[in-house]
Every structure is written in C-alpha cells, then in structure tokens.
Amino acid sequence: MSLADFIREMPKVELHVHMEGAIQPETVLQLAARHNIALPANTVEGIRNWYNFTDFPHFVQIYLKISECLRTPDDIELMAREFLKGQAAQNIRHSEVTYTPHTHYMQKGLSFADQLAALNRARRWAEAELGVTMGIITDISRNVTPEQGMVTAEWAVSAKEDGVIALGLGGPEVGYPAQRHAAAFDYAWSNGLPCILHAGETDSAQSIWNAIRYGKTWRIGHGVRCLEDPTLVAYLREHQIPLEVSPTSNIRLKVFPSMAEHALPRLLEEGLYVTINSDDPPMFGTTLTDEYLQAAETFGWDADLIEKLVFNALRVSLLPDTKKAQLEQQFKTEFAALRERYLN
C-alpha cells in the first residue's frame, strides 16, 4: 500500500508553470554550447546549484540569462519539447503554460509569429508522440509599459485559434498593480480571450482584488494572500474563483516559512477552489509530483483529497468541454485502477 506510488503514477493536470522557468539544466547547457554563451557553471550539478533560489533579484538574473540562451525559433522548440517530455514523464496529461514572448522580442528581435510557430511544432509533436496537450498563456510582465502590454495582448488575440488560450500577467507584483494593463485585459476579453493573472503571492490581498476588478481573471495565479482579507475569502468562495497554488514557490519566496506553515489547509477549510502547481520547478527544486508528495506527507492528505485536487485542475482548465469530458472519464478509470493496485 503506497500513497506515494499512487501520486507518482496518477494522471495530472498543471495550470501554473512557466515555460522559461521550467527549463532543465541539461537544456540550458545544450543551448549555451550551441551559441557559445558563458554560464556561471558548465556541469548539470553546477547549473542546479546556480538555480538554487536565494532571492527574487537572483531569480530574475537567472531568468534573463536563460532567455539569452534562447536565440532562435529552434531553441524555443527544443525548450518546449524538453519541457513536454518532462510533463509526460510525470503523467501530466495537460499543461497550461505561461510564456513571455515580449522578452525574446526585445532581447533578440524574435517575432511573435516565429516564437509561436516553434511552440506549436513542439505542442503538436507532443500530442502525437507523447499523448500530452499544452495550451499557451501568453503573459505580460507587470513591469513593462502599458503600450508594451498591449502589444502582447494583440499577439495573444491574434493566436487564440492557434495554441494561445489566455492572456496572462506575471513578473514583479509589488509596485506594479494590475490596473496598469487594464486596457490590455479589456482588449483580450472583448475579443473572446480569457485573462489569467498572477496575484496575491508577494503582494497583499489588494493585488487579488485588482486582478478580479481590472483583469476579470478566470483563475488566480497563486492567490494565497487572500486569507488576509475575510471579505475577499468570502467572495472567492462564493464565486469559486480557482487558486493556482504553488506551495514550494511560496516557501522559496518567503511567503511562508515552511510547508508545515503553508496556508493550504486553511484555503481548503475555507471552501476555496484549490489547484496544485509547480510554477518554476527546476529553479525551486521541485516538480508537480513533488508538490503533491510533500503536501500529502505534511498535511496527511488521503487519496480522496488528492484525486479531488487533480479533478479541480482539469475542470477549470481551458480545454474544450468535449476534451475535458473525455479526459475526466479516462482519469476516473485510471484512478480506480491505481486505487486497486496501491491502496486496497
């Protein structure tokens, strides 16, 4: 009887993971060698140590260095293929992946059309060869100008029938409120594209209110600081606005001191709609599988709650209803078989 084996093998859905933040050390080394770019280390172990999170400025420094290694559409396709192989290895059947095209446009002049084509080649390959799907959340970094944010919104809308499922908002929360990009969100929604905003991790509950008010956010990336405002908790519960909780990310960014002190149990007790995610997995030393394993061990979760959280993610994904229904049926069958094998 092993709950850990159950978690490792169960089908999963991930809603909050950054493509550039999920790039493995092996892929970074390959890209750096391809373009003769000097890195702080030249071994997998060395890169892993460099990744080891110390603070947000260090994290941004790593992120920008990784972006520097992504110089061509072929590089982006390689990154996406390697990412999707890693998702398939964890039996993550569908991922909704945040990707920041404006960075690559500004850094290297890579057109959005070329970036999107590369991502879509990887996406179609993974669906055909690995049986996993991916939707792209094209995100605005909060600290860019409203004009630059609008460019990303226009790109996202132009690709809504071609792999892009939502307009996102990421980047530094403090000092860059969502309303700076309100026009971009209005543009997306008026053109039939949902918005999914990061809010309420490194900034207060007010950041979540801003995401709801100015972005009409479909889900909330993080959202764990909602507990600071009982009125907000009641609103989130009433409307069942999903939270994309990434526990290890929250701990690394010092929102909570440890997993044992994480707000997850309270979020569930409050009747909020919780999903589990990995955010920037190799940079935070985690995977989606590890997030479930650690939470189950720390909080004494049983298979029923874990299964419920997987279905939570599936049901608020942006997959078409027919695909969702099909996956739900498959997942039910697989969960029943896993229970039989590991828990009965």
Protein backbone atom coordinates (compact mmCIF):
# COMPACT_ATOMS: atom_id res chain seq x y z
CA MET A 1 0.00 0.00 0.00
CA SER A 2 1.72 3.18 -1.13
CA LEU A 3 0.15 6.60 -1.48
CA ALA A 4 3.48 7.87 -2.87
CA ASP A 5 3.33 5.40 -5.78
CA PHE A 6 -0.32 6.36 -6.33
CA ILE A 7 0.71 10.04 -6.61
CA ARG A 8 3.67 9.34 -8.91
CA GLU A 9 1.58 7.34 -11.36
CA MET A 10 -1.71 9.20 -11.24
CA PRO A 11 -2.81 11.32 -14.23
CA LYS A 12 -2.34 15.03 -13.59
CA VAL A 13 -3.15 18.47 -14.99
CA GLU A 14 -0.97 21.53 -14.40
CA LEU A 15 -2.31 25.07 -14.70
CA HIS A 16 0.55 27.24 -13.41
CA VAL A 17 4.01 26.57 -14.83
CA HIS A 18 6.36 28.91 -16.69
CA MET A 19 7.94 27.55 -19.85
CA GLU A 20 11.18 29.52 -19.42
CA GLY A 21 11.19 28.80 -15.68
CA ALA A 22 10.87 25.05 -16.28
CA ILE A 23 13.98 24.72 -18.46
CA GLN A 24 16.19 21.95 -17.12
CA PRO A 25 19.97 22.41 -16.56
CA GLU A 26 20.75 19.92 -19.34
CA THR A 27 18.80 22.03 -21.86
CA VAL A 28 20.44 25.29 -20.72
CA LEU A 29 23.89 23.75 -21.17
CA GLN A 30 22.96 22.48 -24.62
CA LEU A 31 21.70 25.91 -25.71
CA ALA A 32 24.67 27.77 -24.22
CA ALA A 33 27.09 25.45 -26.06
CA ARG A 34 25.11 25.93 -29.29
CA HIS A 35 25.57 29.71 -29.09
CA ASN A 36 28.90 29.92 -27.25
CA ILE A 37 27.34 31.67 -24.24
CA ALA A 38 29.26 31.64 -20.95
CA LEU A 39 27.28 30.40 -17.95
CA PRO A 40 28.24 30.54 -14.25
CA ALA A 41 28.79 26.75 -14.40
CA ASN A 42 29.40 24.14 -17.09
CA THR A 43 28.01 21.00 -15.45
CA VAL A 44 24.47 19.90 -14.68
CA GLU A 45 25.25 19.94 -10.95
CA GLY A 46 26.79 23.39 -11.25
CA ILE A 47 23.75 24.78 -13.07
CA ARG A 48 21.47 23.17 -10.50
CA ASN A 49 23.40 24.95 -7.74
CA TRP A 50 23.20 28.23 -9.67
CA TYR A 51 19.43 27.74 -9.99
CA ASN A 52 19.14 27.33 -6.22
CA PHE A 53 16.81 30.15 -5.21
CA THR A 54 18.25 32.83 -2.95
CA ASP A 55 16.10 35.90 -3.63
CA PHE A 56 13.94 37.45 -6.34
CA PRO A 57 16.71 39.56 -7.98
CA HIS A 58 18.85 36.40 -8.29
CA PHE A 59 15.86 34.59 -9.77
CA VAL A 60 15.37 37.37 -12.37
CA GLN A 61 19.08 37.26 -13.20
CA ILE A 62 18.83 33.52 -13.93
CA TYR A 63 15.64 34.03 -15.94
CA LEU A 64 17.29 36.67 -18.14
CA LYS A 65 20.39 34.53 -18.66
CA ILE A 66 18.21 31.62 -19.76
CA SER A 67 16.37 33.96 -22.14
CA GLU A 68 19.73 34.99 -23.57
CA CYS A 69 20.42 31.33 -24.44
CA LEU A 70 17.15 31.14 -26.41
CA ARG A 71 18.30 32.82 -29.60
CA THR A 72 16.37 31.14 -32.42
CA PRO A 73 12.99 29.51 -33.07
CA ASP A 74 14.78 26.12 -33.00
CA ASP A 75 15.94 26.89 -29.44
CA ILE A 76 12.37 27.65 -28.39
CA GLU A 77 11.15 24.44 -29.96
CA LEU A 78 13.86 22.44 -28.15
CA MET A 79 12.93 24.07 -24.83
CA ALA A 80 9.24 23.29 -25.37
CA ARG A 81 9.87 19.68 -26.46
CA GLU A 82 12.10 19.01 -23.44
CA PHE A 83 9.52 20.60 -21.15
CA LEU A 84 6.72 18.45 -22.58
CA LYS A 85 8.84 15.29 -22.24
CA GLY A 86 9.24 16.14 -18.56
CA GLN A 87 5.49 16.67 -18.17
CA ALA A 88 4.76 13.34 -19.91
CA ALA A 89 7.24 11.57 -17.61
CA GLN A 90 5.10 12.74 -14.64
CA ASN A 91 1.88 11.68 -16.40
CA ILE A 92 0.81 15.33 -16.65
CA ARG A 93 -1.66 14.95 -19.47
CA HIS A 94 -2.48 18.61 -19.98
CA SER A 95 -0.46 21.72 -19.11
CA GLU A 96 -1.45 25.38 -19.36
CA VAL A 97 1.90 27.03 -19.73
CA THR A 98 2.83 30.66 -19.18
CA TYR A 99 5.20 32.03 -21.81
CA THR A 100 6.61 35.57 -22.12
CA PRO A 101 7.16 36.36 -25.81
CA HIS A 102 7.91 40.06 -25.37
CA THR A 103 11.21 39.29 -23.59
CA HIS A 104 12.51 37.36 -26.61
CA TYR A 105 11.24 40.01 -28.99
CA MET A 106 13.01 42.78 -27.06
CA GLN A 107 16.21 40.81 -26.42
CA LYS A 108 16.75 39.19 -29.80
CA GLY A 109 14.15 40.63 -32.14
CA LEU A 110 12.40 37.24 -32.44
CA SER A 111 8.99 37.85 -33.97
CA PHE A 112 5.93 36.54 -32.15
CA ALA A 113 4.96 34.58 -35.28
CA ASP A 114 8.29 32.71 -35.24
CA GLN A 115 8.07 32.05 -31.50
CA LEU A 116 4.50 30.78 -31.76
CA ALA A 117 5.32 28.52 -34.72
CA ALA A 118 8.17 26.95 -32.70
CA LEU A 119 5.92 26.36 -29.66
CA ASN A 120 3.21 24.90 -31.87
CA ARG A 121 5.64 22.49 -33.57
CA ALA A 122 6.58 21.19 -30.12
CA ARG A 123 2.93 21.16 -28.99
CA ARG A 124 1.76 19.11 -31.99
CA TRP A 125 4.73 16.75 -31.71
CA ALA A 126 3.98 16.10 -28.01
CA GLU A 127 0.32 15.43 -28.68
CA ALA A 128 1.13 12.96 -31.46
CA GLU A 129 4.14 11.26 -29.86
CA LEU A 130 3.61 11.57 -26.10
CA GLY A 131 -0.17 11.89 -25.78
CA VAL A 132 0.04 15.14 -23.80
CA THR A 133 -1.51 18.51 -24.61
CA MET A 134 -0.48 22.10 -23.91
CA GLY A 135 -2.24 25.45 -24.01
CA ILE A 136 -0.19 28.65 -24.10
CA ILE A 137 -0.88 31.56 -21.74
CA THR A 138 0.91 34.50 -23.36
CA ASP A 139 1.78 36.77 -20.47
CA ILE A 140 2.60 40.42 -19.86
CA SER A 141 5.34 41.13 -17.33
CA ARG A 142 3.88 43.66 -14.89
CA ASN A 143 6.87 45.99 -15.16
CA VAL A 144 6.63 46.66 -18.91
CA THR A 145 4.82 49.77 -20.15
CA PRO A 146 1.07 49.65 -20.83
CA GLU A 147 1.90 50.09 -24.54
CA GLN A 148 4.18 47.03 -24.48
CA GLY A 149 1.50 45.13 -22.58
CA MET A 150 -1.00 45.96 -25.31
CA VAL A 151 1.40 44.54 -27.92
CA THR A 152 1.35 41.21 -26.05
CA ALA A 153 -2.45 41.34 -25.82
CA GLU A 154 -2.70 41.88 -29.56
CA TRP A 155 -0.33 38.97 -30.19
CA ALA A 156 -2.35 36.73 -27.86
CA VAL A 157 -5.66 37.59 -29.52
CA SER A 158 -4.17 37.01 -32.98
CA ALA A 159 -3.25 33.45 -31.91
CA LYS A 160 -6.39 32.45 -30.00
CA GLU A 161 -7.22 29.80 -32.60
CA ASP A 162 -3.59 28.70 -32.82
CA GLY A 163 -2.45 27.45 -29.42
CA VAL A 164 -2.91 30.54 -27.23
CA ILE A 165 -5.67 30.04 -24.66
CA ALA A 166 -5.35 33.15 -22.44
CA LEU A 167 -3.59 36.44 -21.76
CA GLY A 168 -1.58 36.32 -18.54
CA LEU A 169 0.07 38.75 -16.14
CA GLY A 170 3.31 37.79 -14.38
CA GLY A 171 6.52 39.46 -13.21
CA PRO A 172 7.13 41.56 -10.09
CA GLU A 173 3.91 42.14 -8.16
CA VAL A 174 4.93 44.86 -5.72
CA GLY A 175 4.72 48.33 -7.23
CA TYR A 176 3.15 47.19 -10.50
CA PRO A 177 -0.62 46.87 -9.94
CA ALA A 178 -2.78 45.04 -12.48
CA GLN A 179 -4.62 48.22 -13.45
CA ARG A 180 -1.52 49.43 -15.35
CA HIS A 181 -2.54 46.89 -18.01
CA ALA A 182 -6.33 47.21 -17.71
CA ALA A 183 -6.64 48.25 -21.37
CA ALA A 184 -4.82 45.08 -22.48
CA PHE A 185 -7.17 42.87 -20.45
CA ASP A 186 -10.22 44.69 -21.80
CA TYR A 187 -8.90 44.16 -25.33
CA ALA A 188 -8.41 40.42 -24.71
CA TRP A 189 -11.83 39.88 -23.14
CA SER A 190 -13.63 41.92 -25.81
CA ASN A 191 -12.01 39.64 -28.39
CA GLY A 192 -13.07 36.43 -26.63
CA LEU A 193 -9.74 35.61 -24.94
CA PRO A 194 -9.77 34.91 -21.17
CA CYS A 195 -7.26 36.55 -18.82
CA ILE A 196 -5.38 34.72 -16.05
CA LEU A 197 -3.43 36.98 -13.69
CA HIS A 198 -0.76 36.23 -11.08
CA ALA A 199 -1.75 37.97 -7.84
CA GLY A 200 -1.51 37.61 -4.08
CA GLU A 201 1.86 35.90 -3.65
CA THR A 202 4.46 38.61 -2.95
CA ASP A 203 1.80 41.33 -2.65
CA SER A 204 -1.29 41.65 -0.47
CA ALA A 205 -4.93 40.68 -0.86
CA GLN A 206 -5.46 44.02 -2.64
CA SER A 207 -3.46 42.64 -5.56
CA ILE A 208 -6.06 39.88 -5.91
CA TRP A 209 -8.92 42.38 -5.83
CA ASN A 210 -7.10 44.30 -8.61
CA ALA A 211 -6.78 41.12 -10.69
CA ILE A 212 -10.52 40.50 -10.33
CA ARG A 213 -11.57 44.10 -10.89
CA TYR A 214 -9.24 45.07 -13.74
CA GLY A 215 -8.48 41.71 -15.33
CA LYS A 216 -11.72 39.79 -14.70
CA THR A 217 -9.27 36.97 -14.09
CA TRP A 218 -10.52 33.46 -14.92
CA ARG A 219 -8.22 31.94 -12.30
CA ILE A 220 -5.76 33.48 -9.86
CA GLY A 221 -2.09 32.60 -10.18
CA HIS A 222 -1.10 31.96 -6.52
CA GLY A 223 -3.75 33.89 -4.53
CA VAL A 224 -2.55 32.58 -1.16
CA ARG A 225 -2.55 36.05 0.43
CA CYS A 226 -6.35 36.15 0.11
CA LEU A 227 -6.53 34.97 3.73
CA GLU A 228 -5.52 38.48 4.85
CA ASP A 229 -8.98 39.74 3.83
CA PRO A 230 -12.08 37.86 5.05
CA THR A 231 -14.30 39.76 2.57
CA LEU A 232 -12.10 38.55 -0.28
CA VAL A 233 -12.17 34.97 1.03
CA ALA A 234 -15.98 35.11 1.09
CA TYR A 235 -16.02 36.49 -2.48
CA LEU A 236 -13.63 33.80 -3.76
CA ARG A 237 -15.67 31.10 -2.03
CA GLU A 238 -18.99 32.41 -3.37
CA HIS A 239 -17.72 32.66 -6.95
CA GLN A 240 -15.40 29.61 -6.71
CA ILE A 241 -12.62 31.51 -8.48
CA PRO A 242 -9.80 28.94 -8.74
CA LEU A 243 -6.47 29.47 -6.99
CA GLU A 244 -3.35 28.12 -8.70
CA VAL A 245 -1.37 27.30 -5.54
CA SER A 246 2.35 26.58 -5.92
CA PRO A 247 3.49 25.67 -2.39
CA THR A 248 7.26 25.40 -2.90
CA SER A 249 7.32 28.68 -4.84
CA ASN A 250 5.55 30.36 -1.91
CA ILE A 251 8.11 28.96 0.53
CA ARG A 252 11.12 29.93 -1.63
CA LEU A 253 9.73 33.47 -1.94
CA LYS A 254 9.33 33.53 1.87
CA VAL A 255 5.55 33.95 1.82
CA PHE A 256 5.51 31.04 4.30
CA PRO A 257 8.47 29.76 6.34
CA SER A 258 7.91 26.07 5.59
CA MET A 259 5.48 23.57 4.10
CA ALA A 260 4.13 22.86 7.59
CA GLU A 261 3.22 26.56 7.93
CA HIS A 262 1.74 26.90 4.45
CA ALA A 263 -1.85 28.14 4.15
CA LEU A 264 -3.03 25.14 2.07
CA PRO A 265 -5.07 23.52 4.89
CA ARG A 266 -6.78 26.84 5.66
CA LEU A 267 -7.55 27.52 2.00
CA LEU A 268 -9.27 24.12 1.83
CA GLU A 269 -11.07 24.62 5.16
CA GLU A 270 -12.42 27.94 3.85
CA GLY A 271 -14.06 26.10 0.95
CA LEU A 272 -11.88 27.78 -1.69
CA TYR A 273 -11.24 26.23 -5.10
CA VAL A 274 -7.65 24.98 -4.86
CA THR A 275 -5.36 23.52 -7.52
CA ILE A 276 -1.75 22.36 -7.06
CA ASN A 277 1.08 23.54 -9.34
CA SER A 278 4.89 23.81 -9.59
CA ASP A 279 5.47 27.36 -11.03
CA ASP A 280 9.22 27.33 -11.96
CA PRO A 281 10.05 23.74 -11.00
CA PRO A 282 13.83 23.29 -11.51
CA MET A 283 14.54 26.76 -10.12
CA PHE A 284 12.62 25.94 -6.96
CA GLY A 285 13.91 22.35 -6.78
CA THR A 286 10.52 20.74 -7.29
CA THR A 287 8.12 19.07 -9.74
CA LEU A 288 4.35 18.83 -9.78
CA THR A 289 4.68 15.26 -8.49
CA ASP A 290 6.86 16.51 -5.62
CA GLU A 291 4.30 19.18 -4.74
CA TYR A 292 1.63 16.51 -4.24
CA LEU A 293 4.03 14.18 -2.39
CA GLN A 294 5.18 16.87 0.05
CA ALA A 295 1.71 18.24 0.72
CA ALA A 296 0.30 14.73 1.27
CA GLU A 297 3.07 13.89 3.72
CA THR A 298 2.97 17.23 5.56
CA PHE A 299 -0.80 17.55 5.88
CA GLY A 300 -1.78 13.88 5.99
CA TRP A 301 -3.84 14.04 2.81
CA ASP A 302 -5.59 10.89 1.64
CA ALA A 303 -6.20 9.63 -1.90
CA ASP A 304 -9.72 11.14 -1.95
CA LEU A 305 -8.45 14.69 -1.45
CA ILE A 306 -5.56 14.24 -3.87
CA GLU A 307 -7.89 12.90 -6.55
CA LYS A 308 -10.29 15.82 -5.92
CA LEU A 309 -7.46 18.33 -6.44
CA VAL A 310 -6.48 16.70 -9.75
CA PHE A 311 -10.09 16.92 -10.96
CA ASN A 312 -10.23 20.54 -9.71
CA ALA A 313 -7.40 21.40 -12.11
CA LEU A 314 -8.93 19.50 -15.02
CA ARG A 315 -12.34 21.10 -14.58
CA VAL A 316 -11.06 24.71 -14.59
CA SER A 317 -8.61 24.18 -17.43
CA LEU A 318 -9.36 25.96 -20.69
CA LEU A 319 -9.66 22.74 -22.66
CA PRO A 320 -12.76 22.42 -24.86
CA ASP A 321 -15.68 20.83 -22.99
CA THR A 322 -15.62 17.69 -25.14
CA LYS A 323 -11.91 17.12 -24.43
CA LYS A 324 -12.46 17.80 -20.72
CA ALA A 325 -15.28 15.26 -20.54
CA GLN A 326 -13.16 12.69 -22.36
CA LEU A 327 -10.19 13.23 -20.02
CA GLU A 328 -12.44 13.14 -16.95
CA GLN A 329 -13.70 9.69 -17.97
CA GLN A 330 -10.16 8.45 -18.61
CA PHE A 331 -8.93 9.85 -15.29
CA LYS A 332 -11.76 8.16 -13.37
CA THR A 333 -10.86 4.81 -14.90
CA GLU A 334 -7.16 5.29 -14.16
CA PHE A 335 -7.73 6.44 -10.58
CA ALA A 336 -9.90 3.38 -9.91
CA ALA A 337 -7.15 1.10 -11.23
CA LEU A 338 -4.48 2.88 -9.16
CA ARG A 339 -6.56 2.57 -6.00
CA GLU A 340 -6.93 -1.14 -6.68
CA ARG A 341 -3.18 -1.54 -7.21
CA TYR A 342 -1.79 0.61 -4.40
CA LEU A 343 -4.41 1.33 -1.77
CA ASN A 344 -6.70 -1.70 -1.41
